[in-house]
C-alpha cells in the first residue's frame, strides 16, 4: 500500500511540474482558455446573426 501512495505522490508531482513549465511560457493555459472562449463567443454570435437573418427573411422574427 505504501508503494502505491508514493507512486501516486510521484505522479502528481510530475503532473504539477508540467503545469509549472506551462505557466512560465508566454502563452500559458489561462491565455489559451481566454482566447478559446472569445473564439467560441464570436462563432456563436455569427451563427446567431445568420439565424436572425434567416428568420427575418421568412417573416418569423418577432
Protein backbone atom coordinates (compact mmCIF):
# COMPACT_ATOMS: atom_id res chain seq x y z
CA UNK A 1 0.00 0.00 0.00
CA UNK A 2 2.86 2.36 0.79
CA UNK A 3 4.31 1.85 -2.69
CA UNK A 4 1.01 2.92 -4.22
CA UNK A 5 0.90 6.08 -2.11
CA UNK A 6 4.45 7.00 -3.10
CA UNK A 7 3.67 6.23 -6.75
CA UNK A 8 0.61 8.46 -6.58
CA UNK A 9 2.63 11.26 -4.99
CA UNK A 10 5.32 10.99 -7.66
CA UNK A 11 2.66 11.01 -10.37
CA UNK A 12 1.06 14.22 -9.09
CA UNK A 13 4.47 15.83 -8.57
CA UNK A 14 5.30 15.13 -12.22
CA UNK A 15 1.95 16.45 -13.47
CA UNK A 16 2.27 19.68 -11.48
CA UNK A 17 5.84 20.08 -12.73
CA UNK A 18 4.47 20.14 -16.27
CA UNK A 19 1.88 22.72 -15.26
CA UNK A 20 4.59 24.89 -13.72
CA UNK A 21 6.50 24.72 -17.02
CA UNK A 22 3.37 25.68 -18.97
CA UNK A 23 2.73 28.58 -16.62
CA UNK A 24 6.16 30.04 -17.33
CA UNK A 25 5.57 30.19 -21.07
CA UNK A 26 4.26 33.36 -22.72
CA UNK A 27 1.15 31.52 -23.87
CA UNK A 28 0.11 29.86 -20.64
CA UNK A 29 -3.07 27.81 -20.20
CA UNK A 30 -5.06 30.80 -18.90
CA UNK A 31 -4.40 32.76 -22.08
CA UNK A 32 -5.30 29.73 -24.20
CA UNK A 33 -8.65 29.30 -22.40
CA UNK A 34 -9.47 33.00 -22.68
CA UNK A 35 -8.68 33.04 -26.41
CA UNK A 36 -10.74 29.89 -27.00
CA UNK A 37 -13.61 31.46 -25.07
CA UNK A 38 -13.58 34.57 -27.24
CA UNK A 39 -13.32 32.49 -30.43
CA UNK A 40 -16.35 30.49 -29.29
CA UNK A 41 -18.21 33.68 -28.41
CA UNK A 42 -17.64 35.24 -31.83
CA UNK A 43 -18.52 31.97 -33.56
CA UNK A 44 -21.80 31.80 -31.64
CA UNK A 45 -22.61 35.47 -32.32
CA UNK A 46 -22.01 34.93 -36.04
CA UNK A 47 -24.30 31.88 -36.06
CA UNK A 48 -26.96 33.84 -34.18
CA UNK A 49 -26.76 36.69 -36.69
CA UNK A 50 -27.26 34.17 -39.52
CA UNK A 51 -30.26 32.64 -37.73
CA UNK A 52 -31.79 36.10 -37.24
CA UNK A 53 -31.31 36.94 -40.94
CA UNK A 54 -32.99 33.68 -41.94
CA UNK A 55 -35.88 34.24 -39.53
CA UNK A 56 -36.34 37.81 -40.76
CA UNK A 57 -36.43 36.68 -44.39
CA UNK A 58 -39.09 34.09 -43.52
CA UNK A 59 -41.06 36.64 -41.54
CA UNK A 60 -40.93 34.60 -38.35
CA UNK A 61 -38.76 37.02 -36.39
CA UNK A 62 -40.74 38.62 -33.56
